[in-house]
Amino acid sequence: MLKPLGDRIVIKVIEDTEQTSGGIFIPDSAKEKPQKGEVVAVGEGKMNDKGEREPMDVKAGDVILYAKYAGTDIKMDGCEYKILSIKDALAIIE
């Protein structure tokens, strides 16, 4: 598995449904990029000026919203992951 460094996180991208509530299938070319994912790994945190690690705001298992064009896409074992900086995580979905 991937272990992110510093203040980065690895998320598993959550795709939205490909069918509308009315039963219409949406083609890949018409879908927006997903902005929701489940955190699967968290780095140790950013070093502050005192040389101490700052705690991360998210933990593995959290479902988050992230900035639309943030991060680096990775495909492993048939799953789509994204590595992004914690500053690109916008909110935790509860």
N, C-alpha and C. Protein backbone atom coordinates (compact mmCIF):
# COMPACT_ATOMS: atom_id res chain seq x y z
N MET A 1 0.84 -1.19 0.00
CA MET A 1 0.00 0.00 0.00
C MET A 1 0.88 1.24 0.00
N LEU A 2 0.29 2.35 -0.30
CA LEU A 2 1.00 3.62 -0.34
C LEU A 2 1.07 4.25 1.05
N LYS A 3 2.23 4.80 1.39
CA LYS A 3 2.39 5.54 2.65
C LYS A 3 2.80 6.96 2.29
N PRO A 4 1.88 7.92 2.46
CA PRO A 4 2.19 9.30 2.09
C PRO A 4 3.21 9.93 3.02
N LEU A 5 3.95 10.87 2.49
CA LEU A 5 4.97 11.58 3.25
C LEU A 5 4.46 12.95 3.69
N GLY A 6 4.98 13.43 4.81
CA GLY A 6 4.67 14.78 5.28
C GLY A 6 3.20 15.03 5.51
N ASP A 7 2.69 16.10 4.89
CA ASP A 7 1.29 16.50 5.09
C ASP A 7 0.39 16.04 3.94
N ARG A 8 0.71 14.88 3.37
CA ARG A 8 -0.09 14.36 2.27
C ARG A 8 -0.99 13.22 2.74
N ILE A 9 -2.07 13.01 1.98
CA ILE A 9 -3.00 11.91 2.26
C ILE A 9 -3.26 11.14 0.97
N VAL A 10 -3.63 9.88 1.13
CA VAL A 10 -4.04 9.05 -0.01
C VAL A 10 -5.52 8.80 0.16
N ILE A 11 -6.28 9.06 -0.91
CA ILE A 11 -7.72 8.81 -0.85
C ILE A 11 -8.12 7.87 -1.98
N LYS A 12 -9.16 7.09 -1.72
CA LYS A 12 -9.78 6.26 -2.75
C LYS A 12 -10.94 7.07 -3.29
N VAL A 13 -10.90 7.36 -4.58
CA VAL A 13 -11.90 8.20 -5.20
C VAL A 13 -13.25 7.49 -5.19
N ILE A 14 -14.29 8.21 -4.78
CA ILE A 14 -15.65 7.68 -4.78
C ILE A 14 -16.37 8.24 -6.00
N GLU A 15 -16.70 7.36 -6.93
CA GLU A 15 -17.40 7.78 -8.15
C GLU A 15 -18.88 7.96 -7.85
N ASP A 16 -19.47 8.98 -8.45
CA ASP A 16 -20.91 9.16 -8.33
C ASP A 16 -21.61 8.13 -9.19
N THR A 17 -22.89 7.93 -8.94
CA THR A 17 -23.65 6.95 -9.72
C THR A 17 -23.71 7.37 -11.18
N GLU A 18 -23.74 6.38 -12.05
CA GLU A 18 -23.75 6.63 -13.48
C GLU A 18 -25.16 6.72 -14.04
N GLN A 19 -26.16 6.67 -13.17
CA GLN A 19 -27.54 6.70 -13.60
C GLN A 19 -28.30 7.75 -12.79
N THR A 20 -29.11 8.54 -13.49
CA THR A 20 -29.91 9.54 -12.78
C THR A 20 -31.07 8.87 -12.08
N SER A 21 -31.76 9.62 -11.23
CA SER A 21 -32.92 9.06 -10.53
C SER A 21 -34.03 8.69 -11.49
N GLY A 22 -34.04 9.30 -12.68
CA GLY A 22 -35.05 8.97 -13.69
C GLY A 22 -34.67 7.78 -14.54
N GLY A 23 -33.47 7.20 -14.31
CA GLY A 23 -33.08 6.00 -15.04
C GLY A 23 -32.19 6.26 -16.24
N ILE A 24 -31.77 7.50 -16.45
CA ILE A 24 -30.93 7.83 -17.61
C ILE A 24 -29.47 7.60 -17.24
N PHE A 25 -28.75 6.87 -18.10
CA PHE A 25 -27.32 6.64 -17.87
C PHE A 25 -26.52 7.82 -18.39
N ILE A 26 -25.53 8.23 -17.60
CA ILE A 26 -24.69 9.38 -17.95
C ILE A 26 -23.38 8.86 -18.53
N PRO A 27 -23.02 9.26 -19.76
CA PRO A 27 -21.75 8.81 -20.33
C PRO A 27 -20.56 9.45 -19.64
N ASP A 28 -19.39 8.78 -19.72
CA ASP A 28 -18.18 9.29 -19.06
C ASP A 28 -17.83 10.70 -19.52
N SER A 29 -18.07 11.02 -20.78
CA SER A 29 -17.70 12.34 -21.30
C SER A 29 -18.55 13.46 -20.70
N ALA A 30 -19.71 13.15 -20.15
CA ALA A 30 -20.59 14.18 -19.58
C ALA A 30 -20.47 14.29 -18.07
N LYS A 31 -19.74 13.38 -17.44
CA LYS A 31 -19.62 13.41 -15.99
C LYS A 31 -18.59 14.43 -15.55
N GLU A 32 -18.84 15.04 -14.40
CA GLU A 32 -17.85 15.94 -13.80
C GLU A 32 -16.83 15.09 -13.04
N LYS A 33 -15.65 15.66 -12.83
CA LYS A 33 -14.64 14.96 -12.06
C LYS A 33 -15.15 14.77 -10.64
N PRO A 34 -14.94 13.58 -10.06
CA PRO A 34 -15.38 13.38 -8.67
C PRO A 34 -14.58 14.25 -7.72
N GLN A 35 -15.22 14.64 -6.64
CA GLN A 35 -14.56 15.47 -5.63
C GLN A 35 -14.73 14.88 -4.25
N LYS A 36 -15.06 13.59 -4.19
CA LYS A 36 -15.30 12.95 -2.92
C LYS A 36 -14.44 11.69 -2.85
N GLY A 37 -13.87 11.43 -1.68
CA GLY A 37 -13.04 10.25 -1.53
C GLY A 37 -12.92 9.82 -0.09
N GLU A 38 -12.53 8.55 0.08
CA GLU A 38 -12.32 7.99 1.41
C GLU A 38 -10.82 7.97 1.69
N VAL A 39 -10.43 8.50 2.83
CA VAL A 39 -9.03 8.54 3.21
C VAL A 39 -8.58 7.12 3.55
N VAL A 40 -7.51 6.65 2.88
CA VAL A 40 -6.99 5.31 3.15
C VAL A 40 -5.64 5.35 3.86
N ALA A 41 -4.91 6.44 3.73
CA ALA A 41 -3.62 6.58 4.42
C ALA A 41 -3.33 8.05 4.67
N VAL A 42 -2.66 8.32 5.78
CA VAL A 42 -2.36 9.69 6.20
C VAL A 42 -0.87 9.79 6.52
N GLY A 43 -0.24 10.87 6.07
CA GLY A 43 1.17 11.11 6.40
C GLY A 43 1.35 11.49 7.86
N GLU A 44 2.59 11.70 8.25
CA GLU A 44 2.90 12.01 9.65
C GLU A 44 2.58 13.44 10.03
N GLY A 45 2.39 14.31 9.07
CA GLY A 45 2.09 15.71 9.36
C GLY A 45 3.24 16.62 8.97
N LYS A 46 2.95 17.88 8.86
CA LYS A 46 3.93 18.89 8.47
C LYS A 46 4.79 19.28 9.66
N MET A 47 6.05 19.56 9.40
CA MET A 47 6.95 20.03 10.45
C MET A 47 6.75 21.53 10.63
N ASN A 48 6.61 21.97 11.88
CA ASN A 48 6.48 23.41 12.13
C ASN A 48 7.86 24.01 12.38
N ASP A 49 7.92 25.29 12.69
CA ASP A 49 9.19 25.99 12.89
C ASP A 49 9.99 25.47 14.09
N LYS A 50 9.30 24.85 15.05
CA LYS A 50 9.97 24.32 16.24
C LYS A 50 10.49 22.89 16.02
N GLY A 51 10.27 22.35 14.83
CA GLY A 51 10.72 20.99 14.54
C GLY A 51 9.77 19.91 15.02
N GLU A 52 8.54 20.30 15.35
CA GLU A 52 7.53 19.34 15.82
C GLU A 52 6.55 19.06 14.70
N ARG A 53 5.97 17.87 14.71
CA ARG A 53 4.96 17.49 13.72
C ARG A 53 3.60 18.07 14.12
N GLU A 54 2.92 18.70 13.16
CA GLU A 54 1.56 19.19 13.41
C GLU A 54 0.59 18.04 13.17
N PRO A 55 -0.41 17.88 14.03
CA PRO A 55 -1.36 16.77 13.83
C PRO A 55 -2.20 16.98 12.57
N MET A 56 -2.57 15.87 11.94
CA MET A 56 -3.39 15.92 10.73
C MET A 56 -4.87 16.05 11.12
N ASP A 57 -5.64 16.74 10.28
CA ASP A 57 -7.05 16.97 10.56
C ASP A 57 -7.94 15.79 10.18
N VAL A 58 -7.41 14.86 9.36
CA VAL A 58 -8.21 13.71 8.91
C VAL A 58 -7.52 12.43 9.36
N LYS A 59 -8.28 11.34 9.34
CA LYS A 59 -7.73 10.02 9.67
C LYS A 59 -8.26 9.01 8.66
N ALA A 60 -7.63 7.86 8.59
CA ALA A 60 -8.07 6.81 7.68
C ALA A 60 -9.53 6.46 7.98
N GLY A 61 -10.31 6.33 6.93
CA GLY A 61 -11.73 6.02 7.07
C GLY A 61 -12.64 7.23 6.90
N ASP A 62 -12.11 8.45 7.04
CA ASP A 62 -12.91 9.66 6.83
C ASP A 62 -13.27 9.80 5.35
N VAL A 63 -14.46 10.28 5.07
CA VAL A 63 -14.87 10.61 3.71
C VAL A 63 -14.79 12.13 3.59
N ILE A 64 -14.04 12.59 2.58
CA ILE A 64 -13.79 14.03 2.46
C ILE A 64 -14.20 14.56 1.09
N LEU A 65 -14.39 15.87 1.05
CA LEU A 65 -14.50 16.61 -0.21
C LEU A 65 -13.15 17.26 -0.44
N TYR A 66 -12.70 17.26 -1.70
CA TYR A 66 -11.40 17.87 -1.99
C TYR A 66 -11.52 18.78 -3.20
N ALA A 67 -10.53 19.64 -3.38
CA ALA A 67 -10.53 20.61 -4.48
C ALA A 67 -10.57 19.88 -5.83
N LYS A 68 -11.27 20.46 -6.77
CA LYS A 68 -11.57 19.80 -8.05
C LYS A 68 -10.35 19.31 -8.82
N TYR A 69 -9.33 20.10 -8.93
CA TYR A 69 -8.16 19.71 -9.74
C TYR A 69 -6.94 19.40 -8.89
N ALA A 70 -7.16 19.01 -7.65
CA ALA A 70 -6.06 18.76 -6.71
C ALA A 70 -5.49 17.37 -6.87
N GLY A 71 -4.25 17.22 -6.47
CA GLY A 71 -3.65 15.91 -6.31
C GLY A 71 -3.11 15.26 -7.56
N THR A 72 -2.57 14.07 -7.35
CA THR A 72 -2.00 13.24 -8.41
C THR A 72 -2.76 11.93 -8.45
N ASP A 73 -3.24 11.57 -9.64
CA ASP A 73 -4.01 10.34 -9.80
C ASP A 73 -3.08 9.14 -9.89
N ILE A 74 -3.46 8.06 -9.20
CA ILE A 74 -2.70 6.80 -9.19
C ILE A 74 -3.71 5.67 -9.37
N LYS A 75 -3.35 4.66 -10.18
CA LYS A 75 -4.18 3.46 -10.29
C LYS A 75 -3.36 2.29 -9.79
N MET A 76 -3.92 1.56 -8.81
CA MET A 76 -3.28 0.37 -8.25
C MET A 76 -4.33 -0.69 -8.04
N ASP A 77 -4.04 -1.90 -8.47
CA ASP A 77 -4.94 -3.04 -8.27
C ASP A 77 -6.35 -2.76 -8.76
N GLY A 78 -6.48 -2.02 -9.86
CA GLY A 78 -7.79 -1.74 -10.44
C GLY A 78 -8.59 -0.66 -9.74
N CYS A 79 -8.03 -0.03 -8.71
CA CYS A 79 -8.72 1.04 -7.99
C CYS A 79 -8.04 2.37 -8.29
N GLU A 80 -8.84 3.42 -8.29
CA GLU A 80 -8.32 4.76 -8.54
C GLU A 80 -8.08 5.47 -7.20
N TYR A 81 -6.84 5.91 -7.01
CA TYR A 81 -6.46 6.64 -5.80
C TYR A 81 -5.96 8.03 -6.20
N LYS A 82 -5.89 8.88 -5.21
CA LYS A 82 -5.37 10.23 -5.43
C LYS A 82 -4.50 10.58 -4.23
N ILE A 83 -3.32 11.14 -4.50
CA ILE A 83 -2.45 11.63 -3.44
C ILE A 83 -2.55 13.14 -3.46
N LEU A 84 -2.92 13.71 -2.33
CA LEU A 84 -3.05 15.17 -2.28
C LEU A 84 -2.58 15.72 -0.95
N SER A 85 -2.29 16.99 -0.97
CA SER A 85 -1.86 17.68 0.24
C SER A 85 -3.08 17.93 1.13
N ILE A 86 -2.86 17.93 2.42
CA ILE A 86 -3.97 18.15 3.36
C ILE A 86 -4.65 19.49 3.11
N LYS A 87 -3.94 20.48 2.57
CA LYS A 87 -4.56 21.79 2.32
C LYS A 87 -5.61 21.71 1.20
N ASP A 88 -5.59 20.64 0.39
CA ASP A 88 -6.59 20.48 -0.67
C ASP A 88 -7.84 19.75 -0.17
N ALA A 89 -7.82 19.24 1.05
CA ALA A 89 -9.01 18.63 1.65
C ALA A 89 -9.88 19.78 2.16
N LEU A 90 -11.11 19.84 1.68
CA LEU A 90 -11.99 20.96 2.00
C LEU A 90 -12.90 20.71 3.19
N ALA A 91 -13.41 19.47 3.33
CA ALA A 91 -14.35 19.18 4.40
C ALA A 91 -14.44 17.68 4.63
N ILE A 92 -14.83 17.30 5.85
CA ILE A 92 -15.12 15.90 6.17
C ILE A 92 -16.63 15.73 6.08
N ILE A 93 -17.07 14.70 5.39
CA ILE A 93 -18.50 14.40 5.28
C ILE A 93 -18.86 13.46 6.43
N GLU A 94 -19.83 13.88 7.25
CA GLU A 94 -20.24 13.05 8.39
C GLU A 94 -21.60 12.46 8.14
